[in-house]
Protein backbone atom coordinates (compact mmCIF):
# COMPACT_ATOMS: atom_id res chain seq x y z
CA UNK A 1 -17.56 -9.97 -14.67
CA UNK A 2 -14.40 -9.85 -16.76
CA UNK A 3 -11.27 -11.74 -15.70
CA UNK A 4 -8.64 -9.12 -14.84
CA UNK A 5 -5.06 -9.78 -13.73
CA UNK A 6 -2.02 -7.94 -12.42
CA UNK A 7 0.64 -8.50 -15.09
CA UNK A 8 3.27 -5.85 -14.31
CA UNK A 9 4.72 -4.15 -11.24
CA UNK A 10 7.66 -1.84 -10.61
CA UNK A 11 8.64 0.42 -7.74
CA UNK A 12 11.30 2.69 -6.28
CA UNK A 13 11.69 3.67 -2.63
CA UNK A 14 14.15 6.15 -1.13
CA UNK A 15 14.97 7.40 2.36
CA UNK A 16 17.90 9.58 1.28
CA UNK A 17 16.38 12.88 0.18
CA UNK A 18 19.38 14.94 -0.92
CA UNK A 19 18.83 15.59 -4.62
CA UNK A 20 15.59 13.62 -4.57
CA UNK A 21 14.16 13.28 -8.10
CA UNK A 22 10.91 14.87 -9.25
CA UNK A 23 7.78 12.74 -9.69
CA UNK A 24 8.41 12.55 -13.44
CA UNK A 25 12.00 11.41 -12.91
CA UNK A 26 10.71 8.76 -10.52
CA UNK A 27 7.99 7.50 -12.86
CA UNK A 28 9.72 7.34 -16.27
CA UNK A 29 12.05 4.40 -15.43
CA UNK A 30 9.23 2.63 -13.57
CA UNK A 31 6.96 2.83 -16.62
CA UNK A 32 9.82 1.56 -18.79
CA UNK A 33 10.23 -1.45 -16.47
CA UNK A 34 6.50 -2.22 -16.74
CA UNK A 35 6.66 -2.02 -20.54
CA UNK A 36 9.60 -4.43 -20.54
CA UNK A 37 7.83 -6.89 -18.23
CA UNK A 38 4.61 -7.00 -20.24
CA UNK A 39 5.76 -6.32 -23.79
CA UNK A 40 3.27 -3.44 -23.89
CA UNK A 41 4.01 0.01 -25.25
CA UNK A 42 2.38 3.30 -24.32
CA UNK A 43 -0.14 2.76 -27.13
CA UNK A 44 -1.23 -0.55 -25.58
CA UNK A 45 -2.43 1.10 -22.36
CA UNK A 46 -6.15 1.87 -22.56
CA UNK A 47 -6.50 3.73 -19.25
CA UNK A 48 -4.15 5.48 -16.84
CA UNK A 49 -5.02 6.16 -13.21
CA UNK A 50 -2.83 7.69 -10.51
CA UNK A 51 -2.87 8.25 -6.78
CA UNK A 52 -1.08 11.10 -5.01
CA UNK A 53 -1.77 14.16 -2.85
CA UNK A 54 -1.73 17.85 -3.60
CA UNK A 55 -1.37 18.51 0.14
CA UNK A 56 1.84 16.51 0.21
CA UNK A 57 3.20 18.25 -2.89
CA UNK A 58 2.13 21.67 -1.60
CA UNK A 59 0.51 22.82 -4.85
CA UNK A 60 -2.80 22.45 -6.65
CA UNK A 61 -3.23 19.83 -9.38
CA UNK A 62 0.27 18.49 -8.81
CA UNK A 63 -0.75 15.19 -10.43
CA UNK A 64 -1.01 16.95 -13.80
CA UNK A 65 2.76 17.38 -13.90
CA UNK A 66 3.12 13.61 -13.55
CA UNK A 67 1.35 13.17 -16.88
CA UNK A 68 4.61 14.31 -18.47
CA UNK A 69 5.94 10.87 -17.58
CA UNK A 70 3.21 9.32 -19.76
CA UNK A 71 3.55 11.77 -22.60
CA UNK A 72 0.75 14.28 -23.00
CA UNK A 73 0.61 14.07 -26.81
CA UNK A 74 -1.30 12.30 -28.21
CA UNK A 75 -3.89 12.64 -25.39
CA UNK A 76 -4.49 9.67 -23.06
CA UNK A 77 -7.50 8.36 -21.14
CA UNK A 78 -6.46 9.39 -17.63
CA UNK A 79 -7.87 9.78 -14.10
CA UNK A 80 -6.63 10.44 -10.57
CA UNK A 81 -7.52 9.76 -6.93
CA UNK A 82 -6.38 11.94 -4.03
CA UNK A 83 -5.27 9.00 -1.87
CA UNK A 84 -3.20 5.84 -1.98
CA UNK A 85 -2.87 4.47 -5.51
CA UNK A 86 -4.46 1.18 -4.41
CA UNK A 87 -7.76 3.02 -4.80
CA UNK A 88 -6.63 4.10 -8.27
CA UNK A 89 -6.19 0.39 -9.00
CA UNK A 90 -9.78 -0.17 -7.88
CA UNK A 91 -10.96 2.55 -10.29
CA UNK A 92 -8.90 1.04 -13.11
CA UNK A 93 -10.33 -2.42 -12.37
CA UNK A 94 -13.84 -0.94 -12.62
CA UNK A 95 -12.93 0.78 -15.89
CA UNK A 96 -11.89 -2.56 -17.37
CA UNK A 97 -15.08 -4.17 -16.07
CA UNK A 98 -17.15 -1.67 -18.10
CA UNK A 99 -15.61 -3.08 -21.27
CA UNK A 100 -14.36 0.34 -22.41
CA UNK A 101 -10.71 -0.75 -22.15
CA UNK A 102 -8.76 -4.01 -21.85
CA UNK A 103 -5.63 -2.68 -20.18
CA UNK A 104 -4.69 -0.09 -17.56
CA UNK A 105 -1.56 1.25 -15.92
CA UNK A 106 -1.96 2.41 -12.33
CA UNK A 107 0.72 4.50 -10.65
CA UNK A 108 1.28 6.38 -7.44
CA UNK A 109 3.94 8.73 -6.14
CA UNK A 110 4.68 10.67 -3.00
CA UNK A 111 7.55 12.89 -1.91
CA UNK A 112 7.30 12.89 1.87
CA UNK A 113 10.51 14.93 2.01
CA UNK A 114 8.71 17.88 0.38
CA UNK A 115 7.13 18.91 3.69
CA UNK A 116 6.45 17.86 7.27
CA UNK A 117 4.63 14.58 6.66
CA UNK A 118 3.30 14.01 10.17
CA UNK A 119 1.67 17.45 10.17
CA UNK A 120 0.40 17.23 6.59
CA UNK A 121 -1.52 14.04 7.32
CA UNK A 122 -3.58 15.89 9.94
CA UNK A 123 -5.50 17.22 6.91
CA UNK A 124 -7.15 13.77 6.68
CA UNK A 125 -8.84 14.23 10.05
CA UNK A 126 -12.24 15.64 11.00
CA UNK A 127 -11.83 19.30 9.92
CA UNK A 128 -13.95 20.64 12.80
CA UNK A 129 -12.80 18.76 15.88
CA UNK A 130 -9.44 17.17 15.06
CA UNK A 131 -7.47 19.02 12.38
CA UNK A 132 -7.40 22.31 14.38
CA UNK A 133 -5.49 20.39 17.10
CA UNK A 134 -2.94 19.18 14.51
CA UNK A 135 -2.41 15.73 16.05
CA UNK A 136 0.33 13.97 14.12
CA UNK A 137 0.20 10.47 12.65
CA UNK A 138 2.67 8.89 15.04
CA UNK A 139 0.93 10.27 18.12
CA UNK A 140 -2.44 8.92 16.96
CA UNK A 141 -0.86 5.53 16.28
CA UNK A 142 0.70 5.66 19.74
CA UNK A 143 -2.75 6.21 21.26
CA UNK A 144 -4.05 3.23 19.29
CA UNK A 145 -1.16 1.04 20.41
CA UNK A 146 -1.67 2.05 24.06
CA UNK A 147 -5.40 1.30 23.92
CA UNK A 148 -4.65 -2.16 22.56
CA UNK A 149 -2.00 -2.89 25.20
CA UNK A 150 -4.27 -1.73 28.02
CA UNK A 151 -7.10 -3.87 26.64
CA UNK A 152 -4.84 -6.94 26.54
CA UNK A 153 -5.12 -7.29 22.75
CA UNK A 154 -1.32 -7.21 22.23
CA UNK A 155 1.86 -6.23 24.05
CA UNK A 156 5.19 -4.61 23.24
CA UNK A 157 6.85 -8.00 22.74
CA UNK A 158 4.29 -8.97 20.07
CA UNK A 159 4.99 -5.65 18.34
CA UNK A 160 8.75 -6.25 18.47
CA UNK A 161 8.27 -9.73 16.97
CA UNK A 162 6.47 -8.14 14.00
CA UNK A 163 9.36 -5.70 13.49
CA UNK A 164 11.99 -8.42 13.82
CA UNK A 165 10.35 -10.62 11.19
CA UNK A 166 9.62 -7.75 8.81
CA UNK A 167 13.12 -6.28 8.79
CA UNK A 168 14.74 -9.70 8.52
CA UNK A 169 12.60 -10.44 5.45
CA UNK A 170 13.44 -7.00 4.06
CA UNK A 171 17.06 -8.06 3.63
CA UNK A 172 15.92 -9.99 0.54
CA UNK A 173 14.11 -6.95 -0.92
CA UNK A 174 16.32 -4.63 -2.95
CA UNK A 175 13.72 -1.85 -2.71
CA UNK A 176 13.59 -1.77 1.10
CA UNK A 177 14.96 1.38 2.71
CA UNK A 178 15.22 -0.21 6.17
CA UNK A 179 16.65 -3.70 6.63
CA UNK A 180 18.27 -5.98 9.16
CA UNK A 181 16.22 -7.35 12.02
CA UNK A 182 17.71 -7.06 15.51
CA UNK A 183 16.66 -9.59 18.11
CA UNK A 184 13.39 -9.03 19.93
CA UNK A 185 15.27 -8.30 23.14
CA UNK A 186 17.45 -5.69 21.42
CA UNK A 187 14.39 -4.02 19.93
CA UNK A 188 12.65 -3.87 23.31
CA UNK A 189 15.74 -2.28 24.87
CA UNK A 190 15.63 0.71 22.53
CA UNK A 191 14.17 4.01 23.82
CA UNK A 192 10.54 4.96 23.38
CA UNK A 193 9.68 7.41 20.62
CA UNK A 194 5.94 8.01 21.11
CA UNK A 195 4.99 5.82 24.06
CA UNK A 196 4.51 2.87 23.61
CA UNK A 197 6.00 3.08 20.09
CA UNK A 198 9.71 2.95 19.35
CA UNK A 199 11.11 4.27 16.09
CA UNK A 200 11.31 0.80 14.59
CA UNK A 201 7.56 0.36 15.23
CA UNK A 202 6.89 3.17 12.73
CA UNK A 203 7.26 2.97 8.96
CA UNK A 204 10.20 5.10 7.77
CA UNK A 205 9.51 8.36 5.98
CA UNK A 206 10.00 7.41 2.36
CA UNK A 207 9.93 9.06 -1.06
CA UNK A 208 8.93 6.79 -3.87
CA UNK A 209 6.67 5.68 -6.67
CA UNK A 210 5.18 2.47 -8.01
CA UNK A 211 3.20 1.25 -11.00
CA UNK A 212 0.98 -1.77 -11.63
CA UNK A 213 -0.31 -2.98 -15.01
CA UNK A 214 -3.76 -4.58 -15.27
CA UNK A 215 -5.05 -6.52 -18.26
CA UNK A 216 -8.18 -8.52 -19.06
CA UNK A 217 -8.56 -11.98 -20.53
CA UNK A 218 -6.25 -12.87 -23.39
CA UNK A 219 -4.38 -9.56 -23.08
CA UNK A 220 -3.28 -10.70 -19.60
CA UNK A 221 -2.26 -14.15 -20.86
CA UNK A 222 -0.17 -12.55 -23.61
CA UNK A 223 1.54 -10.23 -21.13
CA UNK A 224 2.47 -12.73 -18.41
CA UNK A 225 3.27 -16.43 -18.21
CA UNK A 226 1.43 -16.72 -14.89
CA UNK A 227 -0.90 -13.70 -14.40
CA UNK A 228 -2.06 -12.82 -10.89
CA UNK A 229 -5.82 -12.90 -11.48
CA UNK A 230 -7.89 -10.62 -9.26
CA UNK A 231 -10.46 -12.91 -7.65
CA UNK A 232 -12.01 -10.27 -5.40
CA UNK A 233 -11.56 -6.61 -4.50
CA UNK A 234 -13.51 -4.30 -2.19
CA UNK A 235 -13.00 -1.39 0.19
CA UNK A 236 -14.81 0.09 3.17
CA UNK A 237 -14.39 2.97 5.62
CA UNK A 238 -14.92 3.54 9.34
CA UNK A 239 -16.10 6.74 11.02
CA UNK A 240 -13.92 9.81 10.63
CA UNK A 241 -14.27 10.66 14.32
CA UNK A 242 -11.54 8.94 16.32
CA UNK A 243 -13.65 9.14 19.49
CA UNK A 244 -16.47 7.02 18.06
CA UNK A 245 -14.20 4.10 17.07
CA UNK A 246 -12.84 1.11 18.96
CA UNK A 247 -9.19 1.61 18.05
CA UNK A 248 -8.33 -2.00 18.91
CA UNK A 249 -10.34 -3.02 15.85
CA UNK A 250 -10.79 -2.03 12.20
CA UNK A 251 -14.31 -3.18 11.22
CA UNK A 252 -13.91 -1.75 7.71
CA UNK A 253 -11.26 -4.43 7.05
CA UNK A 254 -13.75 -7.14 7.93
CA UNK A 255 -16.45 -5.53 5.79
CA UNK A 256 -14.10 -5.16 2.81
CA UNK A 257 -13.10 -8.81 3.14
CA UNK A 258 -16.69 -10.06 3.47
CA UNK A 259 -17.44 -12.32 0.54
CA UNK A 260 -13.76 -12.73 -0.35
CA UNK A 261 -12.46 -16.25 0.17
CA UNK A 262 -9.37 -15.98 2.39
CA UNK A 263 -9.44 -19.60 3.56
CA UNK A 264 -6.69 -20.82 1.26
CA UNK A 265 -4.54 -17.67 1.15
CA UNK A 266 -0.84 -18.50 1.44
CA UNK A 267 0.71 -15.00 1.43
CA UNK A 268 -0.68 -11.70 2.75
CA UNK A 269 0.91 -8.32 2.08
CA UNK A 270 -0.61 -6.05 4.73
CA UNK A 271 -0.30 -2.26 4.67
CA UNK A 272 0.42 -1.74 8.37
CA UNK A 273 2.52 1.43 8.81
CA UNK A 274 2.87 0.66 12.54
CA UNK A 275 3.80 -2.70 14.02
CA UNK A 276 0.69 -3.15 16.17
CA UNK A 277 -1.54 -2.50 13.15
CA UNK A 278 -0.38 -5.75 11.54
CA UNK A 279 -1.79 -7.55 14.58
CA UNK A 280 -5.14 -5.77 14.12
CA UNK A 281 -5.24 -6.64 10.42
CA UNK A 282 -4.41 -10.31 10.93
CA UNK A 283 -7.27 -10.56 13.41
CA UNK A 284 -9.82 -8.71 11.26
CA UNK A 285 -8.96 -10.78 8.18
CA UNK A 286 -9.03 -14.02 10.16
CA UNK A 287 -5.74 -15.20 8.64
CA UNK A 288 -4.46 -18.62 9.60
CA UNK A 289 -1.27 -18.84 11.64
CA UNK A 290 0.61 -20.40 8.73
CA UNK A 291 -0.10 -17.52 6.31
CA UNK A 292 3.15 -15.77 5.37
CA UNK A 293 2.72 -12.07 6.19
CA UNK A 294 4.75 -9.36 4.44
CA UNK A 295 7.57 -11.52 3.04
CA UNK A 296 8.73 -8.38 1.19
CA UNK A 297 9.45 -6.70 4.52
CA UNK A 298 6.18 -4.76 4.42
CA UNK A 299 5.73 -1.05 5.11
CA UNK A 300 8.04 -1.15 8.15
CA UNK A 301 10.89 -1.51 5.62
CA UNK A 302 9.63 1.28 3.34
CA UNK A 303 6.33 3.10 2.99
CA UNK A 304 6.18 5.77 0.27
CA UNK A 305 3.11 7.87 0.94
CA UNK A 306 0.16 7.35 -1.43
CA UNK A 307 2.02 4.38 -2.90
CA UNK A 308 2.47 2.00 0.03
CA UNK A 309 -0.87 0.25 -0.48
CA UNK A 310 -0.32 -0.23 -4.21
CA UNK A 311 3.10 -1.71 -3.40
CA UNK A 312 1.44 -4.30 -1.18
CA UNK A 313 -0.77 -5.46 -4.06
CA UNK A 314 2.20 -5.57 -6.43
CA UNK A 315 4.35 -7.51 -3.96
CA UNK A 316 1.54 -10.02 -3.41
CA UNK A 317 1.16 -10.45 -7.17
CA UNK A 318 4.90 -11.22 -7.45
CA UNK A 319 4.33 -14.34 -5.32
CA UNK A 320 1.86 -15.64 -7.89
CA UNK A 321 4.15 -14.81 -10.81
CA UNK A 322 7.14 -16.63 -9.34
CA UNK A 323 5.08 -19.66 -8.38
CA UNK A 324 5.79 -19.42 -4.64
CA UNK A 325 2.05 -19.02 -3.94
CA UNK A 326 -1.21 -19.72 -5.73
CA UNK A 327 -3.51 -17.60 -3.55
CA UNK A 328 -2.52 -14.23 -2.08
CA UNK A 329 -4.10 -11.12 -0.63
CA UNK A 330 -2.96 -7.51 -0.84
CA UNK A 331 -4.23 -4.87 1.58
CA UNK A 332 -4.11 -1.07 1.59
CA UNK A 333 -5.08 1.47 4.22
CA UNK A 334 -5.68 5.21 4.25
CA UNK A 335 -6.58 7.67 6.97
CA UNK A 336 -5.69 7.62 10.69
CA UNK A 337 -5.48 4.40 12.70
CA UNK A 338 -6.64 2.08 9.87
CA UNK A 339 -9.72 4.17 9.08
CA UNK A 340 -10.24 3.10 5.44
CA UNK A 341 -9.20 -0.25 4.03
CA UNK A 342 -9.05 -2.07 0.70
CA UNK A 343 -8.63 -5.83 0.29
CA UNK A 344 -7.65 -7.51 -2.99
CA UNK A 345 -7.37 -11.28 -3.42
CA UNK A 346 -5.42 -12.74 -6.33
CA UNK A 347 -4.70 -16.21 -7.61
CA UNK A 348 -3.00 -18.26 -10.30
CA UNK A 349 -6.40 -19.02 -11.83
CA UNK A 350 -9.27 -16.64 -12.51
């Protein structure tokens, strides 16, 4: 296996949609930031891979227009996944492992403001039994939260404590679209939105984009003083049928993490779009109590669709770059109620 590291990361998140830029306008400055970080140019990138959704954009092959941000001439080695760009990172990591390329730039983008996000995401559900009912994302998460409360796995106070910590940490993150933690008591006093969820328990609807640069071996050492070496990466999926799953758990997280050493992880960036889901993820990953979770503010402070998971990996890598941690984990999820999950461990040494 080749040693591969995250050496560049840039993002933009927005909750104000008036005059929202196109995907190309979002991506061009982000690519430029990645070039500046790594010293790479467009010609240094051996493989490009993106994550987005045609359903969200409302048109076929919408990802092709994003290639304008790369520059279509001369042609590039490019691919795409129709889901969160964290899975594009997995594809790019595999591409580097084949030895065909030494570098890759992974990017994702999503304009949630382009349509009705909660309804659009029903297209991820079982097309025979669930999608025709058009259950929205928040309602399904509310069902999951209620099941967990009734089973004694968590309570509303534990959920409010997650929100309080996340939004307080988000005050240090210039990219966060929601900041400022109220006290737990103030959060609990707010009205219900989708019982038992309150609005602050749900990730804000966010437009945005992000990019991550991967490099192997000496290319990584040239690009970064302290590369975030990928020490393990895997993903797994649970059943598509909501009725066959124990919603208080996410076994695919445990399967994805099997074989990955999480014992000495210091920081975890968890892609939990709803407050109670962070509690599920912590349990499935078996994280110690002293592990710092979502110091960036996490998805409760900003969650651009089809980019949120990639952002978690990039934010975790930042902790290695700045020396605040030597072992980190980034997590991404896709599908309803933590259906599909990807886990990526990184460290200061390969």
